[in-house]
Amino acid sequence: MSQPAWFRYAQQYPYLCSGIVALLGFALTVLISMVLLLNGLFAEAKHDHQLASEGLARSNQEIAQSLQFMQSHGMHDCSKLNLQLMRQHLLTRLHIRALGFLNERGQLACLSSEGIFTPPRSLPAADFQLGAYQSWHNFKVYTHPHAPLLLMNMVSNGHFVALLDRQLSEQILQLHHVDAIWLDHPSQTAGQAQIIWSAPRLQDQLLPPLLPELRQSEQGSFWWRVDWPMQRFVLGSNVPQTGYFVQSYLEWRSLLLKHRTLLALVLVLAAGLALLLASFVKIKLDKANLLPNRIAQLCHAENVICMYQPIVDLRTQKIIGCEVLMRLQDGENVLFPDQVIPLIREANLAWQLDAAVARKAVYELQQHLPTHAVQPFKVALNFFPENIRYPRLAPLLNELHDERFLLNVEVTEYGMSDELFADVEALRRDGYVISVDDFGTGYSNLGTVKRLSPDYLKIDRSFVWDMEDASLRSSLIPEIIAIADAVGAQLIAEGIENASQAERLKQLGVQFGQGYYFGRPQPLAEFIQLLQKSSLHESSARLSMAYE
């Protein structure tokens, strides 16, 4: 399977990739830590809201019960009996400090703490009014004759009055970090909440509560939102079945200052983790960049370079085919077979490479081989000896079959075995050509070669190189020619480097040759140019002969 493009890019730029991973690791660590911190803060705030809501619910319940007590006992004046009943009732209340009456003019006629007012106390405009309910904040009162003046919250319903311990209420709110109380009463249109109490530091910086539809809900809910302009979080909840909403405001600056030690530890941890990630990625990429770890990727078709070396008819000097050789593209570098074949064998990639080279070579020749080229054009393919097995090789060659080509499977003397003879015979029956490569360097005898019945014997280049020195090795060429004649094979001489060698081999009866004299192994474009140049040369020669 081909590696994704991003991984190849990472292999090419390991330091950049490691830096990016370090930055991402740092950012992710900080982000996760911040999320965990905020989740902890929000969970704590939710718990505080629950406790504050319970306190508000109790206060609200005590007010309702106290006002109902006065109404149910028919208290319509400030008689001593009624004042005594009020004081007795207050003994059972935690938040309410006094009860009283309003006269017909809305004046405070009496309080259980101070008795009857003479004259009645006129009241300022209520801070909050909702139907028959009115509320005054910071109402000044004495809880008993010799007590200091206190500030309380006073609530009235009709003529009945209850005073709440403002200090106790605020202590509960501050203890649970509540910053604002809103009331969205069921008698009003939802969303018209009115502020009941807020922390002095907020003043006009309050935001109305979300989810007004929860004002009559039987369940308490908790939510939060981001106030970007003010750079803070706004946390809210509802007090079930009361219409009250509780809010807390968490300024980002205050959070950073409060948790600066923890945040510093998070940054140090994130930096350390980022360095570990960068080191880990760099080590992995360095390891992946080692050739043994990249060899599988390099054996894919996109990294295979097919090189074509011409095979020439020594009598006519015409290109009648080519031998396909391979290189591997490794980034900006080109790897030669001797660099990679041991690794390919070790990684069991021989078949993957052979198939990729064969398919790519035939496809390229199908697309670009000139129409004037010799047909069938001989295409010699090299395979690892272990891959020259009929059940494996035949399907691939059948897939590549093309009437314009004569596919030639090259085998070596070193790869001969009893199994090979049977597989080669089956391939020949299917119409494929067999060549023995580097002939003369192994231990083949006439019997072995005859049993193989190759179509071509390729004379190893070492014999050709020694021809000009008339060495003992070059004197064996006639013996090789005799073996070829005995088994009915044609000869291809490898390693021809000059005209003298080519002429001498032709005189000895060698039919074909290849080597640097005719052309080095070359990329497809150069090979096609060579074919076209050869064709033009032949056309010019024929034209000259015609005029002669």
Protein backbone atom coordinates (compact mmCIF):
# COMPACT_ATOMS: atom_id res chain seq x y z
CA MET A 1 0.00 0.00 0.00
CA SER A 2 1.37 3.39 -0.99
CA GLN A 3 2.26 5.79 1.81
CA PRO A 4 0.13 8.95 2.05
CA ALA A 5 1.55 12.17 0.68
CA TRP A 6 1.75 13.80 4.12
CA PHE A 7 3.99 11.01 5.42
CA ARG A 8 6.34 11.35 2.46
CA TYR A 9 6.45 15.10 3.07
CA ALA A 10 7.22 14.47 6.74
CA GLN A 11 10.06 12.15 5.77
CA GLN A 12 11.44 14.87 3.50
CA TYR A 13 11.27 17.59 6.18
CA PRO A 14 11.70 15.81 9.54
CA TYR A 15 12.73 18.91 11.52
CA LEU A 16 9.77 20.95 10.28
CA CYS A 17 7.40 18.07 10.97
CA SER A 18 8.83 17.59 14.47
CA GLY A 19 8.39 21.30 15.16
CA ILE A 20 4.79 21.24 13.98
CA VAL A 21 4.06 18.18 16.13
CA ALA A 22 5.69 19.94 19.11
CA LEU A 23 3.53 23.03 18.61
CA LEU A 24 0.40 20.93 18.20
CA GLY A 25 1.29 18.87 21.27
CA PHE A 26 1.90 22.04 23.27
CA ALA A 27 -1.36 23.62 22.12
CA LEU A 28 -3.35 20.43 22.65
CA THR A 29 -1.94 19.95 26.15
CA VAL A 30 -2.76 23.54 27.09
CA LEU A 31 -6.22 23.23 25.54
CA ILE A 32 -7.02 19.97 27.34
CA SER A 33 -5.72 21.40 30.61
CA MET A 34 -7.84 24.53 30.18
CA VAL A 35 -10.91 22.46 29.36
CA LEU A 36 -10.34 20.31 32.44
CA LEU A 37 -9.80 23.41 34.56
CA LEU A 38 -12.95 25.07 33.25
CA ASN A 39 -14.92 21.86 33.71
CA GLY A 40 -13.75 21.80 37.30
CA LEU A 41 -14.66 25.46 37.81
CA PHE A 42 -18.05 24.99 36.19
CA ALA A 43 -18.74 21.89 38.25
CA GLU A 44 -17.83 23.82 41.39
CA ALA A 45 -20.01 26.73 40.28
CA LYS A 46 -22.88 24.36 39.57
CA HIS A 47 -22.60 22.95 43.07
CA ASP A 48 -22.52 26.48 44.53
CA HIS A 49 -25.57 27.44 42.51
CA GLN A 50 -27.41 24.42 43.82
CA LEU A 51 -26.64 25.40 47.40
CA ALA A 52 -27.55 29.05 46.73
CA SER A 53 -30.76 27.96 45.01
CA GLU A 54 -31.67 25.88 48.02
CA GLY A 55 -31.10 28.92 50.24
CA LEU A 56 -33.22 31.13 47.98
CA ALA A 57 -35.90 28.50 47.83
CA ARG A 58 -35.97 28.33 51.65
CA SER A 59 -36.14 32.13 51.92
CA ASN A 60 -38.90 32.27 49.35
CA GLN A 61 -40.74 29.49 51.12
CA GLU A 62 -40.38 31.20 54.51
CA ILE A 63 -41.77 34.46 53.09
CA ALA A 64 -44.74 32.69 51.55
CA GLN A 65 -45.41 30.69 54.72
CA SER A 66 -45.08 33.72 56.98
CA LEU A 67 -47.38 35.91 54.91
CA GLN A 68 -49.83 33.02 54.68
CA PHE A 69 -49.60 32.58 58.47
CA MET A 70 -50.60 36.19 59.04
CA GLN A 71 -53.47 35.95 56.59
CA SER A 72 -54.76 32.63 57.93
CA HIS A 73 -54.79 33.95 61.50
CA GLY A 74 -56.85 36.97 60.52
CA MET A 75 -54.22 39.50 61.50
CA HIS A 76 -55.57 42.81 60.22
CA ASP A 77 -54.23 45.24 62.83
CA CYS A 78 -51.28 45.87 65.12
CA SER A 79 -52.84 44.56 68.32
CA LYS A 80 -50.62 43.24 71.08
CA LEU A 81 -51.97 39.74 70.44
CA ASN A 82 -51.05 39.86 66.77
CA LEU A 83 -47.58 41.25 67.50
CA GLN A 84 -47.10 38.45 70.04
CA LEU A 85 -48.19 35.81 67.51
CA MET A 86 -45.78 37.29 64.96
CA ARG A 87 -42.87 37.08 67.39
CA GLN A 88 -43.74 33.50 68.26
CA HIS A 89 -43.86 32.61 64.57
CA LEU A 90 -40.41 34.13 63.95
CA LEU A 91 -38.90 31.64 66.40
CA THR A 92 -39.44 28.96 63.72
CA ARG A 93 -37.91 31.00 60.89
CA LEU A 94 -34.25 31.20 59.87
CA HIS A 95 -34.21 34.06 57.35
CA ILE A 96 -37.11 36.29 58.47
CA ARG A 97 -36.34 38.82 61.23
CA ALA A 98 -39.64 40.73 61.53
CA LEU A 99 -43.28 40.76 60.42
CA GLY A 100 -45.62 43.74 60.17
CA PHE A 101 -48.58 45.53 58.60
CA LEU A 102 -49.16 48.28 56.05
CA ASN A 103 -52.12 50.62 56.64
CA GLU A 104 -54.59 51.71 53.99
CA ARG A 105 -52.22 54.46 52.81
CA GLY A 106 -49.38 51.98 52.27
CA GLN A 107 -47.55 53.21 55.36
CA LEU A 108 -45.74 50.86 57.71
CA ALA A 109 -48.00 50.68 60.76
CA CYS A 110 -46.06 48.26 62.94
CA LEU A 111 -43.31 45.66 63.09
CA SER A 112 -42.93 42.73 65.43
CA SER A 113 -39.44 44.01 66.26
CA GLU A 114 -40.32 47.68 66.98
CA GLY A 115 -44.03 47.61 67.79
CA ILE A 116 -46.50 50.26 66.61
CA PHE A 117 -45.17 53.30 64.74
CA THR A 118 -46.64 56.61 65.79
CA PRO A 119 -47.06 58.12 63.35
CA PRO A 120 -46.88 55.35 60.74
CA ARG A 121 -43.68 55.29 58.66
CA SER A 122 -44.01 56.41 55.11
CA LEU A 123 -42.20 54.16 52.66
CA PRO A 124 -40.16 55.12 49.60
CA ALA A 125 -41.06 53.73 46.22
CA ALA A 126 -40.53 50.01 46.10
CA ASP A 127 -37.34 48.79 44.43
CA PHE A 128 -39.30 45.96 42.88
CA GLN A 129 -43.03 45.54 42.30
CA LEU A 130 -44.89 42.65 40.77
CA GLY A 131 -48.65 42.70 41.15
CA ALA A 132 -49.48 42.76 44.86
CA TYR A 133 -45.87 41.99 45.73
CA GLN A 134 -43.46 44.79 46.54
CA SER A 135 -39.84 44.67 47.62
CA TRP A 136 -37.54 47.21 49.26
CA HIS A 137 -33.78 46.71 49.46
CA ASN A 138 -31.70 47.98 52.35
CA PHE A 139 -34.66 48.90 54.52
CA LYS A 140 -33.49 50.37 57.86
CA VAL A 141 -34.95 48.73 60.96
CA TYR A 142 -34.31 47.83 64.61
CA THR A 143 -34.79 44.14 65.39
CA HIS A 144 -35.50 45.06 69.03
CA PRO A 145 -35.49 48.34 71.00
CA HIS A 146 -31.88 48.25 72.10
CA ALA A 147 -30.36 46.68 68.95
CA PRO A 148 -28.33 48.66 66.41
CA LEU A 149 -29.91 49.83 63.16
CA LEU A 150 -29.85 47.12 60.50
CA LEU A 151 -30.41 47.01 56.77
CA MET A 152 -32.95 44.45 55.65
CA ASN A 153 -34.94 43.47 52.61
CA MET A 154 -38.65 43.99 53.06
CA VAL A 155 -41.34 42.17 51.08
CA SER A 156 -45.07 42.92 51.18
CA ASN A 157 -48.15 41.23 49.83
CA GLY A 158 -51.19 43.38 50.30
CA HIS A 159 -51.09 44.62 53.93
CA PHE A 160 -48.73 41.95 55.20
CA VAL A 161 -44.97 42.61 55.50
CA ALA A 162 -41.94 40.34 56.08
CA LEU A 163 -38.34 41.50 56.64
CA LEU A 164 -35.47 39.27 55.49
CA ASP A 165 -32.04 39.18 57.08
CA ARG A 166 -30.10 40.89 54.27
CA GLN A 167 -26.73 40.14 55.82
CA LEU A 168 -27.51 36.43 56.14
CA SER A 169 -28.79 36.29 52.56
CA GLU A 170 -25.70 38.06 51.21
CA GLN A 171 -23.40 35.83 53.22
CA ILE A 172 -25.03 32.79 51.65
CA LEU A 173 -24.71 34.31 48.16
CA GLN A 174 -21.10 35.40 48.65
CA LEU A 175 -20.16 32.07 50.20
CA HIS A 176 -21.40 30.34 47.06
CA HIS A 177 -19.91 32.95 44.68
CA VAL A 178 -23.26 34.17 43.39
CA ASP A 179 -23.10 37.57 41.69
CA ALA A 180 -26.72 38.26 40.72
CA ILE A 181 -30.31 37.18 41.44
CA TRP A 182 -33.05 37.73 38.86
CA LEU A 183 -36.79 37.17 39.06
CA ASP A 184 -38.82 36.24 36.01
CA HIS A 185 -42.22 35.86 37.71
CA PRO A 186 -44.81 33.55 36.16
CA SER A 187 -47.35 36.38 36.13
CA GLN A 188 -45.23 38.25 33.57
CA THR A 189 -44.29 37.50 30.01
CA ALA A 190 -41.30 35.20 29.91
CA GLY A 191 -38.00 36.98 29.28
CA GLN A 192 -38.84 40.14 31.30
CA ALA A 193 -36.69 39.24 34.29
CA GLN A 194 -35.93 41.92 36.86
CA ILE A 195 -32.77 42.16 38.91
CA ILE A 196 -33.33 41.41 42.61
CA TRP A 197 -29.75 41.64 43.85
CA SER A 198 -26.28 41.97 42.36
CA ALA A 199 -22.71 42.29 43.57
CA PRO A 200 -21.68 45.96 43.75
CA ARG A 201 -18.66 45.40 41.44
CA LEU A 202 -20.92 44.51 38.50
CA GLN A 203 -23.16 47.60 38.50
CA ASP A 204 -24.39 47.96 34.89
CA GLN A 205 -22.46 44.98 33.51
CA LEU A 206 -25.21 42.43 34.02
CA LEU A 207 -26.69 40.23 31.30
CA PRO A 208 -30.30 38.95 31.48
CA PRO A 209 -30.59 35.23 32.22
CA LEU A 210 -30.86 32.72 29.41
CA LEU A 211 -33.63 30.15 29.11
CA PRO A 212 -36.51 32.12 30.67
CA GLU A 213 -38.78 29.16 29.84
CA LEU A 214 -37.25 27.39 32.84
CA ARG A 215 -38.73 29.83 35.35
CA GLN A 216 -41.51 27.37 36.33
CA SER A 217 -39.47 24.23 35.78
CA GLU A 218 -39.56 21.61 38.51
CA GLN A 219 -35.93 20.77 37.81
CA GLY A 220 -32.89 22.93 38.32
CA SER A 221 -30.68 23.46 35.25
CA PHE A 222 -27.21 24.91 34.83
CA TRP A 223 -25.71 26.62 31.76
CA TRP A 224 -22.90 28.94 30.73
CA ARG A 225 -22.01 31.26 27.90
CA VAL A 226 -19.07 33.39 26.80
CA ASP A 227 -19.33 37.18 27.05
CA TRP A 228 -16.64 38.08 24.52
CA PRO A 229 -16.84 41.88 24.83
CA MET A 230 -16.37 41.73 28.60
CA GLN A 231 -13.93 38.76 28.44
CA ARG A 232 -15.73 36.60 30.97
CA PHE A 233 -17.90 33.52 31.42
CA VAL A 234 -21.51 33.97 32.54
CA LEU A 235 -22.85 30.99 34.49
CA GLY A 236 -26.54 30.68 35.23
CA SER A 237 -29.12 28.40 36.81
CA ASN A 238 -32.79 28.46 37.74
CA VAL A 239 -34.34 27.97 41.16
CA PRO A 240 -37.09 25.38 40.53
CA GLN A 241 -40.70 26.62 40.62
CA THR A 242 -39.82 30.13 41.85
CA GLY A 243 -38.97 32.22 38.78
CA TYR A 244 -35.60 33.05 40.33
CA PHE A 245 -32.38 32.83 38.34
CA VAL A 246 -28.89 32.73 39.84
CA GLN A 247 -25.83 34.07 38.03
CA SER A 248 -22.05 34.04 38.50
CA TYR A 249 -19.58 36.07 36.45
CA LEU A 250 -16.06 34.69 35.99
CA GLU A 251 -13.67 37.27 34.53
CA TRP A 252 -10.84 35.71 32.54
CA ARG A 253 -8.22 37.99 34.05
CA SER A 254 -9.29 37.07 37.57
CA LEU A 255 -9.22 33.36 36.69
CA LEU A 256 -5.70 33.66 35.28
CA LEU A 257 -4.46 35.49 38.35
CA LYS A 258 -6.18 33.12 40.75
CA HIS A 259 -4.82 30.01 39.06
CA ARG A 260 -1.51 31.39 37.82
CA THR A 261 0.55 28.78 39.66
CA LEU A 262 -1.48 25.94 38.16
CA LEU A 263 -1.30 27.53 34.71
CA ALA A 264 2.48 27.88 35.02
CA LEU A 265 2.71 24.18 35.82
CA VAL A 266 0.50 23.39 32.82
CA LEU A 267 2.76 25.43 30.52
CA VAL A 268 5.86 23.68 31.84
CA LEU A 269 4.16 20.29 31.42
CA ALA A 270 3.01 21.22 27.91
CA ALA A 271 6.51 22.36 26.95
CA GLY A 272 8.03 19.14 28.29
CA LEU A 273 5.46 17.02 26.50
CA ALA A 274 6.03 18.97 23.29
CA LEU A 275 9.76 18.28 23.47
CA LEU A 276 9.10 14.59 24.07
CA LEU A 277 6.71 14.44 21.12
CA ALA A 278 9.17 16.28 18.87
CA SER A 279 11.97 13.91 19.89
CA PHE A 280 9.75 10.86 19.38
CA VAL A 281 8.60 12.01 15.93
CA LYS A 282 12.16 12.91 14.90
CA ILE A 283 13.43 9.48 15.96
CA LYS A 284 10.59 7.75 14.11
CA LEU A 285 11.13 9.80 10.96
CA ASP A 286 14.87 9.23 11.08
CA LYS A 287 14.22 5.52 11.40
CA ALA A 288 11.64 5.62 8.61
CA ASN A 289 14.15 7.48 6.44
CA LEU A 290 16.63 4.62 6.68
CA LEU A 291 16.69 2.84 3.35
CA PRO A 292 15.66 -0.58 4.77
CA ASN A 293 12.50 1.03 6.14
CA ARG A 294 11.71 2.84 2.91
CA ILE A 295 12.44 0.05 0.48
CA ALA A 296 8.84 -1.21 0.42
CA GLN A 297 7.59 2.23 -0.61
CA LEU A 298 10.32 2.58 -3.22
CA CYS A 299 9.19 -0.65 -4.90
CA HIS A 300 5.89 0.95 -5.90
CA ALA A 301 5.42 1.85 -9.56
CA GLU A 302 5.62 5.59 -8.97
CA ASN A 303 9.18 5.21 -7.71
CA VAL A 304 10.34 2.73 -10.36
CA ILE A 305 12.44 4.10 -13.22
CA CYS A 306 12.63 1.87 -16.28
CA MET A 307 15.87 2.15 -18.27
CA TYR A 308 16.05 0.80 -21.81
CA GLN A 309 19.27 -0.48 -23.43
CA PRO A 310 19.02 -1.17 -27.16
CA ILE A 311 19.65 -4.63 -28.63
CA VAL A 312 21.05 -4.33 -32.15
CA ASP A 313 21.25 -6.68 -35.13
CA LEU A 314 25.01 -6.74 -35.81
CA ARG A 315 24.47 -7.36 -39.52
CA THR A 316 22.02 -4.53 -40.20
CA GLN A 317 22.89 -2.26 -37.22
CA LYS A 318 19.13 -1.96 -36.67
CA ILE A 319 17.60 -1.79 -33.18
CA ILE A 320 15.44 -4.87 -32.86
CA GLY A 321 14.61 -4.66 -29.17
CA CYS A 322 15.75 -3.61 -25.72
CA GLU A 323 16.62 -4.94 -22.31
CA VAL A 324 14.66 -3.37 -19.46
CA LEU A 325 16.76 -2.39 -16.45
CA MET A 326 15.49 -0.69 -13.35
CA ARG A 327 16.42 2.14 -11.01
CA LEU A 328 14.54 3.41 -7.97
CA GLN A 329 13.72 7.08 -7.48
CA ASP A 330 14.45 8.04 -3.88
CA GLY A 331 13.54 11.70 -3.57
CA GLU A 332 16.21 13.55 -5.50
CA ASN A 333 18.46 10.49 -5.59
CA VAL A 334 18.47 7.53 -7.96
CA LEU A 335 19.31 4.12 -6.50
CA PHE A 336 20.97 1.42 -8.58
CA PRO A 337 20.21 -2.31 -8.35
CA ASP A 338 23.34 -3.19 -6.41
CA GLN A 339 22.24 -0.74 -3.69
CA VAL A 340 18.77 -2.16 -3.20
CA ILE A 341 18.63 -5.80 -4.31
CA PRO A 342 19.96 -7.21 -0.99
CA LEU A 343 17.35 -5.14 0.89
CA ILE A 344 14.61 -6.22 -1.50
CA ARG A 345 15.44 -9.87 -0.97
CA GLU A 346 15.59 -9.43 2.78
CA ALA A 347 12.17 -7.71 2.81
CA ASN A 348 10.60 -10.33 0.48
CA LEU A 349 9.76 -7.64 -2.06
CA ALA A 350 11.21 -9.37 -5.13
CA TRP A 351 7.88 -10.11 -6.74
CA GLN A 352 6.48 -6.66 -5.99
CA LEU A 353 9.45 -5.07 -7.74
CA ASP A 354 9.49 -7.47 -10.69
CA ALA A 355 5.78 -6.96 -11.35
CA ALA A 356 6.08 -3.16 -11.03
CA VAL A 357 9.03 -3.00 -13.46
CA ALA A 358 7.41 -5.29 -16.03
CA ARG A 359 4.08 -3.49 -15.99
CA LYS A 360 5.61 -0.02 -16.17
CA ALA A 361 8.03 -0.92 -18.98
CA VAL A 362 5.39 -2.51 -21.20
CA TYR A 363 2.93 0.31 -20.53
CA GLU A 364 5.51 2.97 -21.44
CA LEU A 365 6.50 1.16 -24.63
CA GLN A 366 2.86 0.66 -25.57
CA GLN A 367 2.29 4.40 -25.27
CA HIS A 368 5.43 5.68 -26.97
CA LEU A 369 7.09 3.08 -29.21
CA PRO A 370 7.22 4.48 -32.78
CA THR A 371 5.12 2.69 -35.36
CA HIS A 372 8.16 2.26 -37.60
CA ALA A 373 9.99 0.20 -34.96
CA VAL A 374 10.72 -3.46 -35.70
CA GLN A 375 7.77 -5.68 -34.93
CA PRO A 376 7.58 -7.77 -32.94
CA PHE A 377 9.86 -5.60 -30.82
CA LYS A 378 11.93 -7.73 -28.45
CA VAL A 379 11.48 -6.70 -24.79
CA ALA A 380 13.85 -8.51 -22.44
CA LEU A 381 12.63 -8.58 -18.82
CA ASN A 382 14.77 -9.54 -15.84
CA PHE A 383 13.17 -11.45 -12.97
CA PHE A 384 14.51 -12.71 -9.68
CA PRO A 385 15.16 -16.48 -10.07
CA GLU A 386 12.56 -17.34 -7.42
CA ASN A 387 9.91 -15.49 -9.45
CA ILE A 388 10.42 -17.51 -12.64
CA ARG A 389 7.64 -19.89 -11.73
CA TYR A 390 4.95 -20.56 -14.28
CA PRO A 391 1.92 -20.27 -11.92
CA ARG A 392 3.13 -16.84 -10.80
CA LEU A 393 4.72 -15.42 -13.94
CA ALA A 394 2.25 -16.59 -16.61
CA PRO A 395 -0.69 -14.44 -15.38
CA LEU A 396 1.53 -11.34 -15.38
CA LEU A 397 2.91 -11.99 -18.88
CA ASN A 398 -0.58 -12.74 -20.19
CA GLU A 399 -1.73 -9.42 -18.74
CA LEU A 400 1.09 -7.65 -20.61
CA HIS A 401 0.60 -9.49 -23.91
CA ASP A 402 0.77 -7.24 -26.96
CA GLU A 403 1.15 -8.36 -30.58
CA ARG A 404 3.78 -5.65 -31.17
CA PHE A 405 6.11 -7.08 -28.53
CA LEU A 406 8.07 -10.29 -28.10
CA LEU A 407 8.41 -10.68 -24.37
CA ASN A 408 11.70 -12.25 -23.37
CA VAL A 409 12.26 -13.76 -19.91
CA GLU A 410 15.93 -13.71 -18.92
CA VAL A 411 17.29 -16.41 -16.61
CA THR A 412 20.78 -16.84 -15.21
CA GLU A 413 22.96 -19.91 -14.94
CA TYR A 414 23.00 -19.47 -11.17
CA GLY A 415 19.21 -19.73 -11.01
CA MET A 416 18.88 -23.03 -12.87
CA SER A 417 17.11 -25.90 -11.10
CA ASP A 418 14.89 -28.85 -11.90
CA GLU A 419 11.81 -26.74 -11.17
CA LEU A 420 13.08 -23.98 -13.46
CA PHE A 421 13.30 -26.31 -16.48
CA ALA A 422 9.61 -27.25 -16.17
CA ASP A 423 8.49 -23.65 -15.65
CA VAL A 424 10.56 -22.39 -18.59
CA GLU A 425 9.17 -25.08 -20.86
CA ALA A 426 5.62 -24.06 -19.91
CA LEU A 427 6.42 -20.39 -20.63
CA ARG A 428 7.89 -21.30 -24.03
CA ARG A 429 4.74 -23.24 -24.88
CA ASP A 430 2.79 -20.04 -24.18
CA GLY A 431 4.90 -18.22 -26.76
CA TYR A 432 7.37 -16.38 -24.55
CA VAL A 433 11.06 -16.21 -25.38
CA ILE A 434 13.78 -17.43 -22.99
CA SER A 435 17.30 -16.03 -22.73
CA VAL A 436 20.21 -17.21 -20.59
CA ASP A 437 21.85 -14.04 -19.20
CA ASP A 438 25.58 -13.70 -18.43
CA PHE A 439 26.27 -17.02 -20.13
CA GLY A 440 29.73 -18.42 -19.52
CA THR A 441 30.11 -17.18 -15.94
CA GLY A 442 28.40 -20.17 -14.33
CA TYR A 443 28.80 -23.92 -14.48
CA SER A 444 26.40 -24.81 -17.27
CA ASN A 445 27.38 -27.58 -19.63
CA LEU A 446 26.00 -28.54 -22.97
CA GLY A 447 23.53 -30.96 -21.39
CA THR A 448 22.15 -28.35 -19.05
CA VAL A 449 21.73 -25.76 -21.77
CA LYS A 450 20.19 -28.28 -24.12
CA ARG A 451 17.70 -29.27 -21.47
CA LEU A 452 16.73 -25.63 -20.97
CA SER A 453 16.43 -25.07 -24.77
CA PRO A 454 16.76 -21.27 -24.64
CA ASP A 455 16.03 -19.02 -27.58
CA TYR A 456 19.04 -16.82 -26.85
CA LEU A 457 22.38 -17.11 -25.10
CA LYS A 458 23.77 -13.79 -23.89
CA ILE A 459 27.58 -13.78 -23.90
CA ASP A 460 28.80 -12.18 -20.69
CA ARG A 461 30.53 -8.82 -21.15
CA SER A 462 33.74 -10.07 -19.57
CA PHE A 463 34.42 -12.22 -22.66
CA VAL A 464 33.85 -9.25 -24.96
CA TRP A 465 36.08 -6.89 -22.98
CA ASP A 466 39.00 -9.34 -23.25
CA MET A 467 38.73 -9.74 -27.05
CA GLU A 468 41.21 -7.01 -27.91
CA ASP A 469 43.83 -8.54 -25.61
CA ALA A 470 43.39 -11.97 -27.19
CA SER A 471 43.20 -13.45 -23.69
CA LEU A 472 42.34 -17.02 -22.87
CA ARG A 473 38.89 -15.90 -21.74
CA SER A 474 38.06 -14.28 -25.08
CA SER A 475 39.20 -17.44 -26.88
CA LEU A 476 36.20 -19.20 -25.35
CA ILE A 477 33.74 -17.18 -27.45
CA PRO A 478 33.90 -19.70 -30.36
CA GLU A 479 33.09 -22.45 -27.83
CA ILE A 480 30.04 -20.51 -26.67
CA ILE A 481 28.99 -20.03 -30.29
CA ALA A 482 29.31 -23.78 -30.83
CA ILE A 483 27.09 -24.46 -27.80
CA ALA A 484 24.48 -22.04 -29.16
CA ASP A 485 24.53 -23.78 -32.54
CA ALA A 486 24.18 -27.16 -30.82
CA VAL A 487 21.04 -26.14 -28.91
CA GLY A 488 19.55 -23.99 -31.70
CA ALA A 489 19.91 -20.69 -29.83
CA GLN A 490 20.87 -17.31 -31.18
CA LEU A 491 23.56 -15.17 -29.53
CA ILE A 492 23.52 -11.72 -27.99
CA ALA A 493 26.88 -10.27 -26.98
CA GLU A 494 26.81 -7.89 -24.02
CA GLY A 495 29.25 -5.11 -23.20
CA ILE A 496 30.19 -4.03 -26.73
CA GLU A 497 32.02 -0.74 -26.41
CA ASN A 498 33.50 -0.08 -29.87
CA ALA A 499 33.14 -0.81 -33.56
CA SER A 500 36.09 -3.23 -33.57
CA GLN A 501 34.39 -5.50 -31.02
CA ALA A 502 31.11 -5.36 -32.92
CA GLU A 503 32.75 -6.23 -36.24
CA ARG A 504 34.77 -9.10 -34.75
CA LEU A 505 31.70 -10.61 -33.07
CA LYS A 506 29.74 -10.37 -36.31
CA GLN A 507 32.52 -12.19 -38.13
CA LEU A 508 32.47 -14.94 -35.50
CA GLY A 509 28.75 -15.45 -36.17
CA VAL A 510 27.17 -13.57 -33.27
CA GLN A 511 23.82 -12.25 -34.45
CA PHE A 512 22.97 -9.51 -31.90
CA GLY A 513 24.76 -7.17 -29.55
CA GLN A 514 24.22 -4.59 -26.85
CA GLY A 515 26.55 -2.27 -24.99
CA TYR A 516 27.61 1.34 -24.64
CA TYR A 517 28.70 1.38 -28.31
CA PHE A 518 25.04 1.15 -29.31
CA GLY A 519 23.57 2.93 -26.32
CA ARG A 520 23.71 3.05 -22.58
CA PRO A 521 20.68 2.12 -20.43
CA GLN A 522 18.59 5.26 -20.83
CA PRO A 523 15.21 6.73 -19.86
CA LEU A 524 12.25 6.22 -22.14
CA ALA A 525 12.41 9.65 -23.81
CA GLU A 526 16.06 9.22 -24.81
CA PHE A 527 15.43 5.67 -26.00
CA ILE A 528 12.56 6.79 -28.21
CA GLN A 529 14.78 9.54 -29.66
CA LEU A 530 17.43 6.92 -30.39
CA LEU A 531 14.85 4.79 -32.23
CA GLN A 532 13.70 7.77 -34.26
CA LYS A 533 17.30 8.78 -35.09
CA SER A 534 18.08 5.20 -36.16
CA SER A 535 15.00 5.16 -38.38
CA LEU A 536 16.00 8.44 -40.04
CA HIS A 537 19.50 7.10 -40.63
CA GLU A 538 18.09 3.96 -42.30
CA SER A 539 15.76 6.04 -44.48
CA SER A 540 18.66 8.26 -45.59
CA ALA A 541 20.79 5.21 -46.39
CA ARG A 542 18.04 3.65 -48.50
CA LEU A 543 17.50 6.95 -50.32
CA SER A 544 21.23 7.22 -51.14
CA MET A 545 21.29 3.67 -52.47
CA ALA A 546 18.30 4.41 -54.67
CA TYR A 547 20.03 7.39 -56.31
CA GLU A 548 23.20 5.40 -56.82
